[in-house]
Amino acid sequence: MALLKLPVVSAELIVAGSDGLYRREGECSRCGDCCKTGDPFSVPPESAPACRLYRERDGVGECTDRAHPLYLNGCNVWPTKPEHLRDYPRCTYRFVRV
């Protein structure tokens, strides 16, 4: 099975945080930190196993099946709120208060 590189996602997203509205900025750097925990939506993330779709090749994160429901139902748009970044300091997404 050929590995597929994760897309660079940079669609603008406005979300409500606990203290106001935020705009997501940045794009996926393919560090894989969220995939290595399996479910980036779980908090704390270390409670989930590594995603079975994630692989690293030459230091770059890749998804083996971007058509899989796990990817399509969340991974392709993660992070969706500021709290998601709390445990991922290498993530290049940022939320800016608007």
N, C-alpha and C. Protein backbone atom coordinates (compact mmCIF):
# COMPACT_ATOMS: atom_id res chain seq x y z
N MET A 1 0.84 -1.18 0.00
CA MET A 1 0.00 0.00 0.00
C MET A 1 0.89 1.24 0.00
N ALA A 2 0.64 2.15 -0.91
CA ALA A 2 1.43 3.37 -1.00
C ALA A 2 0.99 4.35 0.09
N LEU A 3 1.94 5.07 0.63
CA LEU A 3 1.64 6.06 1.64
C LEU A 3 1.28 7.37 0.96
N LEU A 4 0.31 8.06 1.52
CA LEU A 4 -0.11 9.34 0.99
C LEU A 4 0.29 10.44 1.96
N LYS A 5 0.88 11.48 1.46
CA LYS A 5 1.26 12.60 2.32
C LYS A 5 0.00 13.29 2.82
N LEU A 6 0.03 13.71 4.08
CA LEU A 6 -1.08 14.48 4.62
C LEU A 6 -1.15 15.80 3.86
N PRO A 7 -2.35 16.27 3.58
CA PRO A 7 -2.46 17.53 2.86
C PRO A 7 -2.08 18.70 3.75
N VAL A 8 -1.68 19.77 3.13
CA VAL A 8 -1.44 21.00 3.88
C VAL A 8 -2.77 21.72 3.92
N VAL A 9 -3.41 21.69 5.08
CA VAL A 9 -4.73 22.27 5.26
C VAL A 9 -4.59 23.66 5.85
N SER A 10 -5.20 24.64 5.22
CA SER A 10 -5.09 26.00 5.73
C SER A 10 -6.40 26.76 5.64
N ALA A 11 -7.53 26.05 5.53
CA ALA A 11 -8.82 26.72 5.43
C ALA A 11 -9.10 27.52 6.69
N GLU A 12 -9.63 28.73 6.51
CA GLU A 12 -9.93 29.58 7.66
C GLU A 12 -11.10 28.98 8.42
N LEU A 13 -11.00 29.06 9.73
CA LEU A 13 -12.03 28.51 10.60
C LEU A 13 -12.22 29.49 11.75
N ILE A 14 -13.47 29.90 12.01
CA ILE A 14 -13.79 30.75 13.15
C ILE A 14 -14.54 29.88 14.15
N VAL A 15 -14.05 29.86 15.39
CA VAL A 15 -14.66 29.01 16.41
C VAL A 15 -14.86 29.80 17.70
N ALA A 16 -15.77 29.30 18.53
CA ALA A 16 -16.00 29.90 19.84
C ALA A 16 -15.13 29.20 20.86
N GLY A 17 -14.33 29.97 21.57
CA GLY A 17 -13.55 29.46 22.68
C GLY A 17 -14.25 29.79 23.99
N SER A 18 -13.68 29.41 25.08
CA SER A 18 -14.31 29.67 26.37
C SER A 18 -14.35 31.16 26.70
N ASP A 19 -13.52 31.96 26.02
CA ASP A 19 -13.47 33.39 26.31
C ASP A 19 -13.61 34.26 25.07
N GLY A 20 -14.32 33.77 24.05
CA GLY A 20 -14.55 34.57 22.86
C GLY A 20 -14.38 33.80 21.58
N LEU A 21 -14.40 34.54 20.46
CA LEU A 21 -14.24 33.93 19.15
C LEU A 21 -12.77 33.92 18.74
N TYR A 22 -12.40 32.86 18.03
CA TYR A 22 -11.03 32.69 17.55
C TYR A 22 -11.02 32.31 16.08
N ARG A 23 -9.99 32.75 15.39
CA ARG A 23 -9.76 32.38 14.00
C ARG A 23 -8.54 31.46 13.96
N ARG A 24 -8.69 30.31 13.31
CA ARG A 24 -7.55 29.41 13.17
C ARG A 24 -6.67 29.91 12.05
N GLU A 25 -5.37 29.94 12.30
CA GLU A 25 -4.39 30.37 11.30
C GLU A 25 -3.31 29.31 11.20
N GLY A 26 -2.64 29.28 10.07
CA GLY A 26 -1.54 28.35 9.87
C GLY A 26 -1.91 27.21 8.97
N GLU A 27 -1.05 26.23 8.94
CA GLU A 27 -1.27 25.04 8.12
C GLU A 27 -0.57 23.86 8.75
N CYS A 28 -0.94 22.69 8.32
CA CYS A 28 -0.37 21.46 8.88
C CYS A 28 1.09 21.33 8.46
N SER A 29 1.95 21.12 9.45
CA SER A 29 3.37 20.94 9.16
C SER A 29 3.75 19.47 9.05
N ARG A 30 2.77 18.59 9.24
CA ARG A 30 2.95 17.13 9.17
C ARG A 30 3.94 16.64 10.23
N CYS A 31 3.93 17.27 11.41
CA CYS A 31 4.80 16.80 12.49
C CYS A 31 4.32 15.45 13.02
N GLY A 32 3.02 15.17 12.90
CA GLY A 32 2.47 13.88 13.30
C GLY A 32 2.17 13.76 14.78
N ASP A 33 2.39 14.80 15.56
CA ASP A 33 2.16 14.69 17.00
C ASP A 33 0.72 14.31 17.33
N CYS A 34 -0.25 14.88 16.63
CA CYS A 34 -1.65 14.55 16.91
C CYS A 34 -1.97 13.12 16.49
N CYS A 35 -1.36 12.64 15.42
CA CYS A 35 -1.60 11.27 14.94
C CYS A 35 -0.95 10.23 15.85
N LYS A 36 0.15 10.60 16.45
CA LYS A 36 0.87 9.65 17.31
C LYS A 36 0.07 9.30 18.55
N THR A 37 -0.92 10.14 18.89
CA THR A 37 -1.77 9.84 20.04
C THR A 37 -3.03 9.11 19.61
N GLY A 38 -3.30 9.04 18.32
CA GLY A 38 -4.45 8.30 17.82
C GLY A 38 -5.69 9.14 17.64
N ASP A 39 -6.08 9.89 18.63
CA ASP A 39 -7.30 10.68 18.55
C ASP A 39 -7.02 12.07 19.09
N PRO A 40 -6.71 13.02 18.21
CA PRO A 40 -6.38 14.36 18.68
C PRO A 40 -7.54 15.07 19.35
N PHE A 41 -8.77 14.55 19.20
CA PHE A 41 -9.92 15.15 19.84
C PHE A 41 -10.07 14.72 21.29
N SER A 42 -9.35 13.67 21.69
CA SER A 42 -9.44 13.22 23.08
C SER A 42 -8.54 14.08 23.96
N VAL A 43 -9.00 14.35 25.15
CA VAL A 43 -8.23 15.14 26.10
C VAL A 43 -8.24 14.39 27.41
N PRO A 44 -7.13 14.02 27.99
CA PRO A 44 -5.79 14.26 27.48
C PRO A 44 -5.45 13.31 26.33
N PRO A 45 -4.65 13.77 25.36
CA PRO A 45 -4.38 12.97 24.17
C PRO A 45 -3.61 11.69 24.46
N GLU A 46 -2.82 11.66 25.51
CA GLU A 46 -2.02 10.47 25.79
C GLU A 46 -2.88 9.27 26.19
N SER A 47 -4.19 9.48 26.35
CA SER A 47 -5.08 8.38 26.72
C SER A 47 -5.47 7.53 25.52
N ALA A 48 -5.11 7.94 24.31
CA ALA A 48 -5.48 7.20 23.11
C ALA A 48 -4.24 6.56 22.48
N PRO A 49 -4.42 5.41 21.84
CA PRO A 49 -3.28 4.77 21.16
C PRO A 49 -2.95 5.50 19.86
N ALA A 50 -1.81 5.21 19.29
CA ALA A 50 -1.40 5.83 18.03
C ALA A 50 -2.37 5.46 16.91
N CYS A 51 -2.58 6.38 16.00
CA CYS A 51 -3.48 6.14 14.87
C CYS A 51 -2.89 5.07 13.96
N ARG A 52 -3.71 4.11 13.60
CA ARG A 52 -3.23 3.03 12.73
C ARG A 52 -3.04 3.48 11.28
N LEU A 53 -3.51 4.67 10.95
CA LEU A 53 -3.34 5.19 9.59
C LEU A 53 -2.05 6.00 9.43
N TYR A 54 -1.42 6.35 10.55
CA TYR A 54 -0.26 7.24 10.51
C TYR A 54 1.05 6.47 10.34
N ARG A 55 1.90 7.00 9.48
CA ARG A 55 3.25 6.46 9.30
C ARG A 55 4.20 7.63 9.11
N GLU A 56 5.47 7.41 9.43
CA GLU A 56 6.50 8.40 9.14
C GLU A 56 7.46 7.83 8.12
N ARG A 57 7.83 8.67 7.18
CA ARG A 57 8.82 8.30 6.19
C ARG A 57 9.75 9.48 6.02
N ASP A 58 11.03 9.22 6.25
CA ASP A 58 12.04 10.27 6.13
C ASP A 58 11.72 11.48 7.01
N GLY A 59 11.15 11.22 8.20
CA GLY A 59 10.86 12.28 9.14
C GLY A 59 9.63 13.11 8.85
N VAL A 60 8.85 12.71 7.85
CA VAL A 60 7.65 13.45 7.47
C VAL A 60 6.43 12.56 7.74
N GLY A 61 5.43 13.12 8.41
CA GLY A 61 4.21 12.37 8.69
C GLY A 61 3.39 12.13 7.45
N GLU A 62 2.82 10.93 7.38
CA GLU A 62 1.99 10.57 6.23
C GLU A 62 0.78 9.78 6.70
N CYS A 63 -0.30 9.90 5.97
CA CYS A 63 -1.51 9.15 6.23
C CYS A 63 -1.61 8.06 5.17
N THR A 64 -1.89 6.83 5.62
CA THR A 64 -1.95 5.72 4.66
C THR A 64 -3.29 5.61 3.97
N ASP A 65 -4.32 6.33 4.45
CA ASP A 65 -5.66 6.20 3.85
C ASP A 65 -6.48 7.44 4.12
N ARG A 66 -6.33 8.45 3.27
CA ARG A 66 -7.08 9.69 3.46
C ARG A 66 -8.55 9.55 3.09
N ALA A 67 -8.97 8.40 2.58
CA ALA A 67 -10.39 8.17 2.29
C ALA A 67 -11.08 7.47 3.46
N HIS A 68 -10.32 7.09 4.48
CA HIS A 68 -10.85 6.38 5.65
C HIS A 68 -11.75 7.32 6.46
N PRO A 69 -12.85 6.81 7.02
CA PRO A 69 -13.75 7.66 7.82
C PRO A 69 -13.05 8.36 8.99
N LEU A 70 -12.06 7.74 9.60
CA LEU A 70 -11.33 8.36 10.70
C LEU A 70 -10.70 9.67 10.24
N TYR A 71 -10.13 9.66 9.05
CA TYR A 71 -9.52 10.87 8.50
C TYR A 71 -10.59 11.87 8.08
N LEU A 72 -11.57 11.40 7.33
CA LEU A 72 -12.59 12.29 6.78
C LEU A 72 -13.48 12.91 7.84
N ASN A 73 -13.66 12.25 8.96
CA ASN A 73 -14.56 12.75 10.01
C ASN A 73 -13.88 13.59 11.06
N GLY A 74 -12.67 14.02 10.84
CA GLY A 74 -12.06 14.88 11.83
C GLY A 74 -10.62 15.24 11.58
N CYS A 75 -9.80 14.27 11.24
CA CYS A 75 -8.36 14.54 11.11
C CYS A 75 -8.06 15.59 10.05
N ASN A 76 -8.86 15.62 9.01
CA ASN A 76 -8.59 16.56 7.93
C ASN A 76 -8.92 18.00 8.29
N VAL A 77 -9.63 18.23 9.38
CA VAL A 77 -9.96 19.60 9.79
C VAL A 77 -9.43 19.94 11.18
N TRP A 78 -8.75 19.01 11.82
CA TRP A 78 -8.21 19.26 13.16
C TRP A 78 -7.09 20.28 13.08
N PRO A 79 -6.94 21.16 14.03
CA PRO A 79 -7.67 21.38 15.27
C PRO A 79 -8.88 22.28 15.04
N THR A 80 -9.91 22.06 15.81
CA THR A 80 -11.13 22.85 15.65
C THR A 80 -11.41 23.78 16.81
N LYS A 81 -10.55 23.78 17.84
CA LYS A 81 -10.70 24.74 18.93
C LYS A 81 -9.35 24.93 19.62
N PRO A 82 -9.16 26.08 20.25
CA PRO A 82 -7.86 26.38 20.88
C PRO A 82 -7.38 25.31 21.85
N GLU A 83 -8.29 24.69 22.57
CA GLU A 83 -7.91 23.69 23.56
C GLU A 83 -7.20 22.49 22.94
N HIS A 84 -7.45 22.21 21.67
CA HIS A 84 -6.80 21.08 21.00
C HIS A 84 -5.28 21.24 20.93
N LEU A 85 -4.80 22.47 20.96
CA LEU A 85 -3.36 22.71 20.81
C LEU A 85 -2.60 22.65 22.12
N ARG A 86 -3.30 22.57 23.20
CA ARG A 86 -2.68 22.63 24.53
C ARG A 86 -1.54 21.61 24.69
N ASP A 87 -1.72 20.42 24.21
CA ASP A 87 -0.73 19.36 24.40
C ASP A 87 0.14 19.12 23.16
N TYR A 88 0.10 20.03 22.20
CA TYR A 88 0.86 19.86 20.96
C TYR A 88 1.70 21.11 20.67
N PRO A 89 2.78 21.33 21.39
CA PRO A 89 3.57 22.55 21.20
C PRO A 89 4.22 22.66 19.83
N ARG A 90 4.42 21.55 19.12
CA ARG A 90 5.04 21.63 17.78
C ARG A 90 4.02 21.94 16.69
N CYS A 91 2.74 21.89 17.01
CA CYS A 91 1.72 22.15 16.00
C CYS A 91 1.86 23.58 15.50
N THR A 92 1.81 23.75 14.18
CA THR A 92 2.00 25.08 13.59
C THR A 92 0.69 25.85 13.42
N TYR A 93 -0.45 25.25 13.78
CA TYR A 93 -1.70 26.01 13.80
C TYR A 93 -1.71 26.90 15.02
N ARG A 94 -2.40 28.02 14.91
CA ARG A 94 -2.60 28.93 16.03
C ARG A 94 -4.02 29.47 15.94
N PHE A 95 -4.58 29.82 17.10
CA PHE A 95 -5.88 30.47 17.14
C PHE A 95 -5.68 31.88 17.64
N VAL A 96 -6.21 32.83 16.87
CA VAL A 96 -6.08 34.26 17.18
C VAL A 96 -7.46 34.79 17.53
N ARG A 97 -7.53 35.47 18.65
CA ARG A 97 -8.82 36.02 19.08
C ARG A 97 -9.27 37.10 18.11
N VAL A 98 -10.57 37.05 17.74
CA VAL A 98 -11.12 38.04 16.81
C VAL A 98 -12.11 38.93 17.52
